[in-house]
Amino acid sequence: EQVGSEVRYVEPGDHVITCLSVFCGYCEYCMSGEPSLCDKRATRRP
């Protein structure tokens, strides 16, 4: 329905599936091809 100012991956109207293995994209696990092991802290509000 809405996207934040820096979001480029999706736009309003896109159909999506959620996944609980949210990933940050730059930790050791994400960069090693194991994003399901990301601790996700960087994806939460401070």
ModelCIF file with pLDDT and N, C-alpha, C, O atoms, coordinates in Angstrom:
data_MODEL
#
_entry.id   MODEL 
#
_entity.id                         1 
_entity.type                       polymer 
_entity.pdbx_number_of_molecules   1 
#
_entity_poly.entity_id                      1 
_entity_poly.type                           'polypeptide(L)' 
_entity_poly.nstd_linkage                   no 
_entity_poly.nstd_monomer                   no 
_entity_poly.pdbx_seq_one_letter_code       EQVGSEVRYVEPGDHVITCLSVFCGYCEYCMSGEPSLCDKRATRRP 
_entity_poly.pdbx_seq_one_letter_code_can   EQVGSEVRYVEPGDHVITCLSVFCGYCEYCMSGEPSLCDKRATRRP 
_entity_poly.pdbx_strand_id                 A 
#
loop_
_entity_poly_seq.entity_id 
_entity_poly_seq.num 
_entity_poly_seq.mon_id 
_entity_poly_seq.hetero 
1 1  GLU n 
1 2  GLN n 
1 3  VAL n 
1 4  GLY n 
1 5  SER n 
1 6  GLU n 
1 7  VAL n 
1 8  ARG n 
1 9  TYR n 
1 10 VAL n 
1 11 GLU n 
1 12 PRO n 
1 13 GLY n 
1 14 ASP n 
1 15 HIS n 
1 16 VAL n 
1 17 ILE n 
1 18 THR n 
1 19 CYS n 
1 20 LEU n 
1 21 SER n 
1 22 VAL n 
1 23 PHE n 
1 24 CYS n 
1 25 GLY n 
1 26 TYR n 
1 27 CYS n 
1 28 GLU n 
1 29 TYR n 
1 30 CYS n 
1 31 MET n 
1 32 SER n 
1 33 GLY n 
1 34 GLU n 
1 35 PRO n 
1 36 SER n 
1 37 LEU n 
1 38 CYS n 
1 39 ASP n 
1 40 LYS n 
1 41 ARG n 
1 42 ALA n 
1 43 THR n 
1 44 ARG n 
1 45 ARG n 
1 46 PRO n 
#
_struct_asym.id          A 
_struct_asym.entity_id   1 
#
loop_
_ma_qa_metric.id 
_ma_qa_metric.mode 
_ma_qa_metric.name 
_ma_qa_metric.software_group_id 
_ma_qa_metric.type 
1 global pLDDT . pLDDT 
2 local  pLDDT . pLDDT 
#
_ma_qa_metric_global.metric_id      1 
_ma_qa_metric_global.metric_value   95.59 
_ma_qa_metric_global.model_id       1 
_ma_qa_metric_global.ordinal_id     1 
#
loop_
_ma_qa_metric_local.label_asym_id 
_ma_qa_metric_local.label_comp_id 
_ma_qa_metric_local.label_seq_id 
_ma_qa_metric_local.metric_id 
_ma_qa_metric_local.metric_value 
_ma_qa_metric_local.model_id 
_ma_qa_metric_local.ordinal_id 
A GLU 1  2 98.00 1 1  
A GLN 2  2 98.00 1 2  
A VAL 3  2 98.00 1 3  
A GLY 4  2 97.00 1 4  
A SER 5  2 97.00 1 5  
A GLU 6  2 97.00 1 6  
A VAL 7  2 97.00 1 7  
A ARG 8  2 96.00 1 8  
A TYR 9  2 97.00 1 9  
A VAL 10 2 98.00 1 10 
A GLU 11 2 97.00 1 11 
A PRO 12 2 98.00 1 12 
A GLY 13 2 98.00 1 13 
A ASP 14 2 98.00 1 14 
A HIS 15 2 98.00 1 15 
A VAL 16 2 98.00 1 16 
A ILE 17 2 98.00 1 17 
A THR 18 2 97.00 1 18 
A CYS 19 2 95.00 1 19 
A LEU 20 2 93.00 1 20 
A SER 21 2 94.00 1 21 
A VAL 22 2 96.00 1 22 
A PHE 23 2 96.00 1 23 
A CYS 24 2 95.00 1 24 
A GLY 25 2 94.00 1 25 
A TYR 26 2 94.00 1 26 
A CYS 27 2 95.00 1 27 
A GLU 28 2 96.00 1 28 
A TYR 29 2 96.00 1 29 
A CYS 30 2 96.00 1 30 
A MET 31 2 95.00 1 31 
A SER 32 2 95.00 1 32 
A GLY 33 2 93.00 1 33 
A GLU 34 2 94.00 1 34 
A PRO 35 2 95.00 1 35 
A SER 36 2 94.00 1 36 
A LEU 37 2 95.00 1 37 
A CYS 38 2 95.00 1 38 
A ASP 39 2 92.00 1 39 
A LYS 40 2 93.00 1 40 
A ARG 41 2 92.00 1 41 
A ALA 42 2 94.00 1 42 
A THR 43 2 95.00 1 43 
A ARG 44 2 95.00 1 44 
A ARG 45 2 94.00 1 45 
A PRO 46 2 91.00 1 46 
#
loop_
_atom_site.group_PDB 
_atom_site.id 
_atom_site.type_symbol 
_atom_site.label_atom_id 
_atom_site.label_alt_id 
_atom_site.label_comp_id 
_atom_site.label_asym_id 
_atom_site.label_entity_id 
_atom_site.label_seq_id 
_atom_site.pdbx_PDB_ins_code 
_atom_site.Cartn_x 
_atom_site.Cartn_y 
_atom_site.Cartn_z 
_atom_site.occupancy 
_atom_site.B_iso_or_equiv 
_atom_site.pdbx_formal_charge 
_atom_site.auth_seq_id 
_atom_site.auth_comp_id 
_atom_site.auth_asym_id 
_atom_site.auth_atom_id 
_atom_site.pdbx_PDB_model_num 
ATOM 1   N N  . GLU A 1 1  ? 0.809  -1.227  0.000  1.00 98.00 ? 1  GLU A N  1 
ATOM 2   C CA . GLU A 1 1  ? 0.000  0.000   0.000  1.00 98.00 ? 1  GLU A CA 1 
ATOM 3   C C  . GLU A 1 1  ? 0.833  1.264   0.000  1.00 98.00 ? 1  GLU A C  1 
ATOM 4   O O  . GLU A 1 1  ? 0.518  2.224   -0.703 1.00 98.00 ? 1  GLU A O  1 
ATOM 5   N N  . GLN A 1 2  ? 1.926  1.263   0.810  1.00 98.00 ? 2  GLN A N  1 
ATOM 6   C CA . GLN A 1 2  ? 2.809  2.426   0.886  1.00 98.00 ? 2  GLN A CA 1 
ATOM 7   C C  . GLN A 1 2  ? 4.247  1.946   0.981  1.00 98.00 ? 2  GLN A C  1 
ATOM 8   O O  . GLN A 1 2  ? 4.511  0.838   1.446  1.00 98.00 ? 2  GLN A O  1 
ATOM 9   N N  . VAL A 1 3  ? 5.175  2.786   0.537  1.00 98.00 ? 3  VAL A N  1 
ATOM 10  C CA . VAL A 1 3  ? 6.598  2.452   0.651  1.00 98.00 ? 3  VAL A CA 1 
ATOM 11  C C  . VAL A 1 3  ? 7.355  3.639   1.219  1.00 98.00 ? 3  VAL A C  1 
ATOM 12  O O  . VAL A 1 3  ? 6.962  4.790   1.026  1.00 98.00 ? 3  VAL A O  1 
ATOM 13  N N  . GLY A 1 4  ? 8.462  3.346   1.934  1.00 97.00 ? 4  GLY A N  1 
ATOM 14  C CA . GLY A 1 4  ? 9.312  4.391   2.484  1.00 97.00 ? 4  GLY A CA 1 
ATOM 15  C C  . GLY A 1 4  ? 10.129 5.091   1.408  1.00 97.00 ? 4  GLY A C  1 
ATOM 16  O O  . GLY A 1 4  ? 10.190 4.643   0.263  1.00 97.00 ? 4  GLY A O  1 
ATOM 17  N N  . SER A 1 5  ? 10.753 6.194   1.794  1.00 97.00 ? 5  SER A N  1 
ATOM 18  C CA . SER A 1 5  ? 11.444 7.067   0.837  1.00 97.00 ? 5  SER A CA 1 
ATOM 19  C C  . SER A 1 5  ? 12.619 6.404   0.139  1.00 97.00 ? 5  SER A C  1 
ATOM 20  O O  . SER A 1 5  ? 12.979 6.809   -0.967 1.00 97.00 ? 5  SER A O  1 
ATOM 21  N N  . GLU A 1 6  ? 13.233 5.386   0.760  1.00 97.00 ? 6  GLU A N  1 
ATOM 22  C CA . GLU A 1 6  ? 14.412 4.734   0.180  1.00 97.00 ? 6  GLU A CA 1 
ATOM 23  C C  . GLU A 1 6  ? 14.099 3.388   -0.467 1.00 97.00 ? 6  GLU A C  1 
ATOM 24  O O  . GLU A 1 6  ? 15.006 2.725   -0.970 1.00 97.00 ? 6  GLU A O  1 
ATOM 25  N N  . VAL A 1 7  ? 12.860 2.981   -0.464 1.00 97.00 ? 7  VAL A N  1 
ATOM 26  C CA . VAL A 1 7  ? 12.488 1.672   -1.012 1.00 97.00 ? 7  VAL A CA 1 
ATOM 27  C C  . VAL A 1 7  ? 12.473 1.731   -2.535 1.00 97.00 ? 7  VAL A C  1 
ATOM 28  O O  . VAL A 1 7  ? 11.842 2.607   -3.127 1.00 97.00 ? 7  VAL A O  1 
ATOM 29  N N  . ARG A 1 8  ? 13.176 0.791   -3.162 1.00 96.00 ? 8  ARG A N  1 
ATOM 30  C CA . ARG A 1 8  ? 13.224 0.702   -4.611 1.00 96.00 ? 8  ARG A CA 1 
ATOM 31  C C  . ARG A 1 8  ? 12.743 -0.653  -5.135 1.00 96.00 ? 8  ARG A C  1 
ATOM 32  O O  . ARG A 1 8  ? 12.451 -0.791  -6.323 1.00 96.00 ? 8  ARG A O  1 
ATOM 33  N N  . TYR A 1 9  ? 12.662 -1.648  -4.254 1.00 97.00 ? 9  TYR A N  1 
ATOM 34  C CA . TYR A 1 9  ? 12.358 -3.021  -4.679 1.00 97.00 ? 9  TYR A CA 1 
ATOM 35  C C  . TYR A 1 9  ? 10.892 -3.209  -5.050 1.00 97.00 ? 9  TYR A C  1 
ATOM 36  O O  . TYR A 1 9  ? 10.585 -3.906  -6.017 1.00 97.00 ? 9  TYR A O  1 
ATOM 37  N N  . VAL A 1 10 ? 9.980  -2.593  -4.289 1.00 98.00 ? 10 VAL A N  1 
ATOM 38  C CA . VAL A 1 10 ? 8.547  -2.732  -4.555 1.00 98.00 ? 10 VAL A CA 1 
ATOM 39  C C  . VAL A 1 10 ? 7.911  -1.358  -4.634 1.00 98.00 ? 10 VAL A C  1 
ATOM 40  O O  . VAL A 1 10 ? 8.504  -0.351  -4.249 1.00 98.00 ? 10 VAL A O  1 
ATOM 41  N N  . GLU A 1 11 ? 6.689  -1.342  -5.142 1.00 97.00 ? 11 GLU A N  1 
ATOM 42  C CA . GLU A 1 11 ? 5.899  -0.118  -5.200 1.00 97.00 ? 11 GLU A CA 1 
ATOM 43  C C  . GLU A 1 11 ? 4.454  -0.461  -4.892 1.00 97.00 ? 11 GLU A C  1 
ATOM 44  O O  . GLU A 1 11 ? 4.077  -1.632  -4.946 1.00 97.00 ? 11 GLU A O  1 
ATOM 45  N N  . PRO A 1 12 ? 3.627  0.546   -4.566 1.00 98.00 ? 12 PRO A N  1 
ATOM 46  C CA . PRO A 1 12 ? 2.221  0.255   -4.255 1.00 98.00 ? 12 PRO A CA 1 
ATOM 47  C C  . PRO A 1 12 ? 1.544  -0.516  -5.379 1.00 98.00 ? 12 PRO A C  1 
ATOM 48  O O  . PRO A 1 12 ? 1.718  -0.219  -6.561 1.00 98.00 ? 12 PRO A O  1 
ATOM 49  N N  . GLY A 1 13 ? 0.763  -1.522  -4.972 1.00 98.00 ? 13 GLY A N  1 
ATOM 50  C CA . GLY A 1 13 ? 0.074  -2.378  -5.927 1.00 98.00 ? 13 GLY A CA 1 
ATOM 51  C C  . GLY A 1 13 ? 0.768  -3.701  -6.176 1.00 98.00 ? 13 GLY A C  1 
ATOM 52  O O  . GLY A 1 13 ? 0.151  -4.624  -6.706 1.00 98.00 ? 13 GLY A O  1 
ATOM 53  N N  . ASP A 1 14 ? 2.048  -3.819  -5.805 1.00 98.00 ? 14 ASP A N  1 
ATOM 54  C CA . ASP A 1 14 ? 2.766  -5.084  -5.986 1.00 98.00 ? 14 ASP A CA 1 
ATOM 55  C C  . ASP A 1 14 ? 2.214  -6.151  -5.052 1.00 98.00 ? 14 ASP A C  1 
ATOM 56  O O  . ASP A 1 14 ? 1.834  -5.859  -3.918 1.00 98.00 ? 14 ASP A O  1 
ATOM 57  N N  . HIS A 1 15 ? 2.172  -7.392  -5.537 1.00 98.00 ? 15 HIS A N  1 
ATOM 58  C CA . HIS A 1 15 ? 1.789  -8.542  -4.721 1.00 98.00 ? 15 HIS A CA 1 
ATOM 59  C C  . HIS A 1 15 ? 3.057  -9.128  -4.107 1.00 98.00 ? 15 HIS A C  1 
ATOM 60  O O  . HIS A 1 15 ? 4.074  -9.278  -4.786 1.00 98.00 ? 15 HIS A O  1 
ATOM 61  N N  . VAL A 1 16 ? 2.989  -9.456  -2.826 1.00 98.00 ? 16 VAL A N  1 
ATOM 62  C CA . VAL A 1 16 ? 4.187  -9.933  -2.126 1.00 98.00 ? 16 VAL A CA 1 
ATOM 63  C C  . VAL A 1 16 ? 3.851  -11.106 -1.218 1.00 98.00 ? 16 VAL A C  1 
ATOM 64  O O  . VAL A 1 16 ? 2.706  -11.292 -0.806 1.00 98.00 ? 16 VAL A O  1 
ATOM 65  N N  . ILE A 1 17 ? 4.890  -11.897 -0.914 1.00 98.00 ? 17 ILE A N  1 
ATOM 66  C CA . ILE A 1 17 ? 4.863  -12.903 0.144  1.00 98.00 ? 17 ILE A CA 1 
ATOM 67  C C  . ILE A 1 17 ? 5.825  -12.422 1.217  1.00 98.00 ? 17 ILE A C  1 
ATOM 68  O O  . ILE A 1 17 ? 6.911  -11.934 0.905  1.00 98.00 ? 17 ILE A O  1 
ATOM 69  N N  . THR A 1 18 ? 5.434  -12.555 2.480  1.00 97.00 ? 18 THR A N  1 
ATOM 70  C CA . THR A 1 18 ? 6.345  -12.225 3.576  1.00 97.00 ? 18 THR A CA 1 
ATOM 71  C C  . THR A 1 18 ? 7.188  -13.440 3.932  1.00 97.00 ? 18 THR A C  1 
ATOM 72  O O  . THR A 1 18 ? 6.835  -14.574 3.609  1.00 97.00 ? 18 THR A O  1 
ATOM 73  N N  . CYS A 1 19 ? 8.306  -13.187 4.600  1.00 95.00 ? 19 CYS A N  1 
ATOM 74  C CA . CYS A 1 19 ? 9.138  -14.284 5.105  1.00 95.00 ? 19 CYS A CA 1 
ATOM 75  C C  . CYS A 1 19 ? 9.769  -13.854 6.410  1.00 95.00 ? 19 CYS A C  1 
ATOM 76  O O  . CYS A 1 19 ? 10.284 -12.741 6.523  1.00 95.00 ? 19 CYS A O  1 
ATOM 77  N N  . LEU A 1 20 ? 9.730  -14.735 7.400  1.00 93.00 ? 20 LEU A N  1 
ATOM 78  C CA . LEU A 1 20 ? 10.261 -14.367 8.709  1.00 93.00 ? 20 LEU A CA 1 
ATOM 79  C C  . LEU A 1 20 ? 11.781 -14.305 8.740  1.00 93.00 ? 20 LEU A C  1 
ATOM 80  O O  . LEU A 1 20 ? 12.350 -13.751 9.681  1.00 93.00 ? 20 LEU A O  1 
ATOM 81  N N  . SER A 1 21 ? 12.455 -14.860 7.733  1.00 94.00 ? 21 SER A N  1 
ATOM 82  C CA . SER A 1 21 ? 13.913 -14.733 7.695  1.00 94.00 ? 21 SER A CA 1 
ATOM 83  C C  . SER A 1 21 ? 14.294 -13.426 6.998  1.00 94.00 ? 21 SER A C  1 
ATOM 84  O O  . SER A 1 21 ? 14.927 -13.409 5.942  1.00 94.00 ? 21 SER A O  1 
ATOM 85  N N  . VAL A 1 22 ? 13.874 -12.326 7.646  1.00 96.00 ? 22 VAL A N  1 
ATOM 86  C CA . VAL A 1 22 ? 14.223 -10.991 7.165  1.00 96.00 ? 22 VAL A CA 1 
ATOM 87  C C  . VAL A 1 22 ? 15.748 -10.866 7.154  1.00 96.00 ? 22 VAL A C  1 
ATOM 88  O O  . VAL A 1 22 ? 16.415 -11.363 8.062  1.00 96.00 ? 22 VAL A O  1 
ATOM 89  N N  . PHE A 1 23 ? 16.296 -10.215 6.147  1.00 96.00 ? 23 PHE A N  1 
ATOM 90  C CA . PHE A 1 23 ? 17.756 -10.132 6.046  1.00 96.00 ? 23 PHE A CA 1 
ATOM 91  C C  . PHE A 1 23 ? 18.207 -8.687  5.906  1.00 96.00 ? 23 PHE A C  1 
ATOM 92  O O  . PHE A 1 23 ? 17.507 -7.855  5.328  1.00 96.00 ? 23 PHE A O  1 
ATOM 93  N N  . CYS A 1 24 ? 19.401 -8.398  6.450  1.00 95.00 ? 24 CYS A N  1 
ATOM 94  C CA . CYS A 1 24 ? 19.923 -7.032  6.356  1.00 95.00 ? 24 CYS A CA 1 
ATOM 95  C C  . CYS A 1 24 ? 20.637 -6.793  5.031  1.00 95.00 ? 24 CYS A C  1 
ATOM 96  O O  . CYS A 1 24 ? 20.598 -5.691  4.482  1.00 95.00 ? 24 CYS A O  1 
ATOM 97  N N  . GLY A 1 25 ? 21.297 -7.848  4.517  1.00 94.00 ? 25 GLY A N  1 
ATOM 98  C CA . GLY A 1 25 ? 21.969 -7.737  3.231  1.00 94.00 ? 25 GLY A CA 1 
ATOM 99  C C  . GLY A 1 25 ? 23.456 -7.455  3.290  1.00 94.00 ? 25 GLY A C  1 
ATOM 100 O O  . GLY A 1 25 ? 24.127 -7.465  2.258  1.00 94.00 ? 25 GLY A O  1 
ATOM 101 N N  . TYR A 1 26 ? 23.989 -7.202  4.487  1.00 94.00 ? 26 TYR A N  1 
ATOM 102 C CA . TYR A 1 26 ? 25.414 -6.872  4.535  1.00 94.00 ? 26 TYR A CA 1 
ATOM 103 C C  . TYR A 1 26 ? 26.182 -7.499  5.701  1.00 94.00 ? 26 TYR A C  1 
ATOM 104 O O  . TYR A 1 26 ? 27.380 -7.255  5.838  1.00 94.00 ? 26 TYR A O  1 
ATOM 105 N N  . CYS A 1 27 ? 25.529 -8.293  6.537  1.00 95.00 ? 27 CYS A N  1 
ATOM 106 C CA . CYS A 1 27 ? 26.262 -8.961  7.620  1.00 95.00 ? 27 CYS A CA 1 
ATOM 107 C C  . CYS A 1 27 ? 27.034 -10.157 7.055  1.00 95.00 ? 27 CYS A C  1 
ATOM 108 O O  . CYS A 1 27 ? 26.919 -10.481 5.873  1.00 95.00 ? 27 CYS A O  1 
ATOM 109 N N  . GLU A 1 28 ? 27.815 -10.803 7.913  1.00 96.00 ? 28 GLU A N  1 
ATOM 110 C CA . GLU A 1 28 ? 28.628 -11.947 7.473  1.00 96.00 ? 28 GLU A CA 1 
ATOM 111 C C  . GLU A 1 28 ? 27.765 -13.064 6.889  1.00 96.00 ? 28 GLU A C  1 
ATOM 112 O O  . GLU A 1 28 ? 28.128 -13.662 5.877  1.00 96.00 ? 28 GLU A O  1 
ATOM 113 N N  . TYR A 1 29 ? 26.618 -13.347 7.525  1.00 96.00 ? 29 TYR A N  1 
ATOM 114 C CA . TYR A 1 29 ? 25.758 -14.427 7.029  1.00 96.00 ? 29 TYR A CA 1 
ATOM 115 C C  . TYR A 1 29 ? 25.162 -14.075 5.670  1.00 96.00 ? 29 TYR A C  1 
ATOM 116 O O  . TYR A 1 29 ? 25.163 -14.893 4.750  1.00 96.00 ? 29 TYR A O  1 
ATOM 117 N N  . CYS A 1 30 ? 24.657 -12.857 5.556  1.00 96.00 ? 30 CYS A N  1 
ATOM 118 C CA . CYS A 1 30 ? 24.083 -12.444 4.271  1.00 96.00 ? 30 CYS A CA 1 
ATOM 119 C C  . CYS A 1 30 ? 25.127 -12.481 3.165  1.00 96.00 ? 30 CYS A C  1 
ATOM 120 O O  . CYS A 1 30 ? 24.852 -12.940 2.057  1.00 96.00 ? 30 CYS A O  1 
ATOM 121 N N  . MET A 1 31 ? 26.325 -11.995 3.470  1.00 95.00 ? 31 MET A N  1 
ATOM 122 C CA . MET A 1 31 ? 27.377 -11.932 2.459  1.00 95.00 ? 31 MET A CA 1 
ATOM 123 C C  . MET A 1 31 ? 27.980 -13.302 2.163  1.00 95.00 ? 31 MET A C  1 
ATOM 124 O O  . MET A 1 31 ? 28.676 -13.468 1.161  1.00 95.00 ? 31 MET A O  1 
ATOM 125 N N  . SER A 1 32 ? 27.717 -14.293 3.032  1.00 95.00 ? 32 SER A N  1 
ATOM 126 C CA . SER A 1 32 ? 28.220 -15.654 2.819  1.00 95.00 ? 32 SER A CA 1 
ATOM 127 C C  . SER A 1 32 ? 27.170 -16.554 2.179  1.00 95.00 ? 32 SER A C  1 
ATOM 128 O O  . SER A 1 32 ? 27.372 -17.764 2.079  1.00 95.00 ? 32 SER A O  1 
ATOM 129 N N  . GLY A 1 33 ? 26.062 -15.982 1.748  1.00 93.00 ? 33 GLY A N  1 
ATOM 130 C CA . GLY A 1 33 ? 25.022 -16.777 1.100  1.00 93.00 ? 33 GLY A CA 1 
ATOM 131 C C  . GLY A 1 33 ? 24.110 -17.511 2.059  1.00 93.00 ? 33 GLY A C  1 
ATOM 132 O O  . GLY A 1 33 ? 23.454 -18.477 1.667  1.00 93.00 ? 33 GLY A O  1 
ATOM 133 N N  . GLU A 1 34 ? 24.053 -17.068 3.325  1.00 94.00 ? 34 GLU A N  1 
ATOM 134 C CA . GLU A 1 34 ? 23.183 -17.682 4.325  1.00 94.00 ? 34 GLU A CA 1 
ATOM 135 C C  . GLU A 1 34 ? 22.262 -16.632 4.952  1.00 94.00 ? 34 GLU A C  1 
ATOM 136 O O  . GLU A 1 34 ? 22.276 -16.464 6.172  1.00 94.00 ? 34 GLU A O  1 
ATOM 137 N N  . PRO A 1 35 ? 21.461 -15.921 4.147  1.00 95.00 ? 35 PRO A N  1 
ATOM 138 C CA . PRO A 1 35 ? 20.641 -14.831 4.698  1.00 95.00 ? 35 PRO A CA 1 
ATOM 139 C C  . PRO A 1 35 ? 19.610 -15.293 5.716  1.00 95.00 ? 35 PRO A C  1 
ATOM 140 O O  . PRO A 1 35 ? 19.150 -14.489 6.526  1.00 95.00 ? 35 PRO A O  1 
ATOM 141 N N  . SER A 1 36 ? 19.232 -16.582 5.694  1.00 94.00 ? 36 SER A N  1 
ATOM 142 C CA . SER A 1 36 ? 18.257 -17.058 6.674  1.00 94.00 ? 36 SER A CA 1 
ATOM 143 C C  . SER A 1 36 ? 18.816 -17.049 8.094  1.00 94.00 ? 36 SER A C  1 
ATOM 144 O O  . SER A 1 36 ? 18.057 -17.174 9.055  1.00 94.00 ? 36 SER A O  1 
ATOM 145 N N  . LEU A 1 37 ? 20.138 -16.903 8.238  1.00 95.00 ? 37 LEU A N  1 
ATOM 146 C CA . LEU A 1 37 ? 20.768 -16.861 9.559  1.00 95.00 ? 37 LEU A CA 1 
ATOM 147 C C  . LEU A 1 37 ? 21.032 -15.443 10.042 1.00 95.00 ? 37 LEU A C  1 
ATOM 148 O O  . LEU A 1 37 ? 21.565 -15.257 11.136 1.00 95.00 ? 37 LEU A O  1 
ATOM 149 N N  . CYS A 1 38 ? 20.671 -14.443 9.254  1.00 95.00 ? 38 CYS A N  1 
ATOM 150 C CA . CYS A 1 38 ? 20.860 -13.044 9.645  1.00 95.00 ? 38 CYS A CA 1 
ATOM 151 C C  . CYS A 1 38 ? 20.144 -12.774 10.963 1.00 95.00 ? 38 CYS A C  1 
ATOM 152 O O  . CYS A 1 38 ? 19.034 -13.259 11.180 1.00 95.00 ? 38 CYS A O  1 
ATOM 153 N N  . ASP A 1 39 ? 20.787 -11.988 11.857 1.00 92.00 ? 39 ASP A N  1 
ATOM 154 C CA . ASP A 1 39 ? 20.135 -11.717 13.150 1.00 92.00 ? 39 ASP A CA 1 
ATOM 155 C C  . ASP A 1 39 ? 19.061 -10.627 13.049 1.00 92.00 ? 39 ASP A C  1 
ATOM 156 O O  . ASP A 1 39 ? 18.323 -10.405 14.009 1.00 92.00 ? 39 ASP A O  1 
ATOM 157 N N  . LYS A 1 40 ? 18.965 -9.953  11.917 1.00 93.00 ? 40 LYS A N  1 
ATOM 158 C CA . LYS A 1 40 ? 17.864 -9.034  11.579 1.00 93.00 ? 40 LYS A CA 1 
ATOM 159 C C  . LYS A 1 40 ? 17.852 -7.751  12.393 1.00 93.00 ? 40 LYS A C  1 
ATOM 160 O O  . LYS A 1 40 ? 16.960 -6.925  12.202 1.00 93.00 ? 40 LYS A O  1 
ATOM 161 N N  . ARG A 1 41 ? 18.806 -7.553  13.295 1.00 92.00 ? 41 ARG A N  1 
ATOM 162 C CA . ARG A 1 41 ? 18.740 -6.367  14.154 1.00 92.00 ? 41 ARG A CA 1 
ATOM 163 C C  . ARG A 1 41 ? 18.749 -5.078  13.346 1.00 92.00 ? 41 ARG A C  1 
ATOM 164 O O  . ARG A 1 41 ? 18.087 -4.105  13.708 1.00 92.00 ? 41 ARG A O  1 
ATOM 165 N N  . ALA A 1 42 ? 19.501 -5.074  12.249 1.00 94.00 ? 42 ALA A N  1 
ATOM 166 C CA . ALA A 1 42 ? 19.605 -3.856  11.442 1.00 94.00 ? 42 ALA A CA 1 
ATOM 167 C C  . ALA A 1 42 ? 18.319 -3.542  10.685 1.00 94.00 ? 42 ALA A C  1 
ATOM 168 O O  . ALA A 1 42 ? 18.184 -2.456  10.120 1.00 94.00 ? 42 ALA A O  1 
ATOM 169 N N  . THR A 1 43 ? 17.365 -4.489  10.669 1.00 95.00 ? 43 THR A N  1 
ATOM 170 C CA . THR A 1 43 ? 16.108 -4.262  9.951  1.00 95.00 ? 43 THR A CA 1 
ATOM 171 C C  . THR A 1 43 ? 15.005 -3.749  10.872 1.00 95.00 ? 43 THR A C  1 
ATOM 172 O O  . THR A 1 43 ? 13.886 -3.502  10.424 1.00 95.00 ? 43 THR A O  1 
ATOM 173 N N  . ARG A 1 44 ? 15.315 -3.590  12.151 1.00 95.00 ? 44 ARG A N  1 
ATOM 174 C CA . ARG A 1 44 ? 14.314 -3.136  13.119 1.00 95.00 ? 44 ARG A CA 1 
ATOM 175 C C  . ARG A 1 44 ? 14.502 -1.652  13.427 1.00 95.00 ? 44 ARG A C  1 
ATOM 176 O O  . ARG A 1 44 ? 15.567 -1.083  13.188 1.00 95.00 ? 44 ARG A O  1 
ATOM 177 N N  . ARG A 1 45 ? 13.466 -1.049  13.952 1.00 94.00 ? 45 ARG A N  1 
ATOM 178 C CA . ARG A 1 45 ? 13.581 0.347   14.364 1.00 94.00 ? 45 ARG A CA 1 
ATOM 179 C C  . ARG A 1 45 ? 14.501 0.457   15.580 1.00 94.00 ? 45 ARG A C  1 
ATOM 180 O O  . ARG A 1 45 ? 14.475 -0.407  16.456 1.00 94.00 ? 45 ARG A O  1 
ATOM 181 N N  . PRO A 1 46 ? 15.312 1.513   15.637 1.00 91.00 ? 46 PRO A N  1 
ATOM 182 C CA . PRO A 1 46 ? 16.244 1.649   16.767 1.00 91.00 ? 46 PRO A CA 1 
ATOM 183 C C  . PRO A 1 46 ? 15.514 1.848   18.086 1.00 91.00 ? 46 PRO A C  1 
ATOM 184 O O  . PRO A 1 46 ? 16.151 1.979   19.131 1.00 91.00 ? 46 PRO A O  1 
#
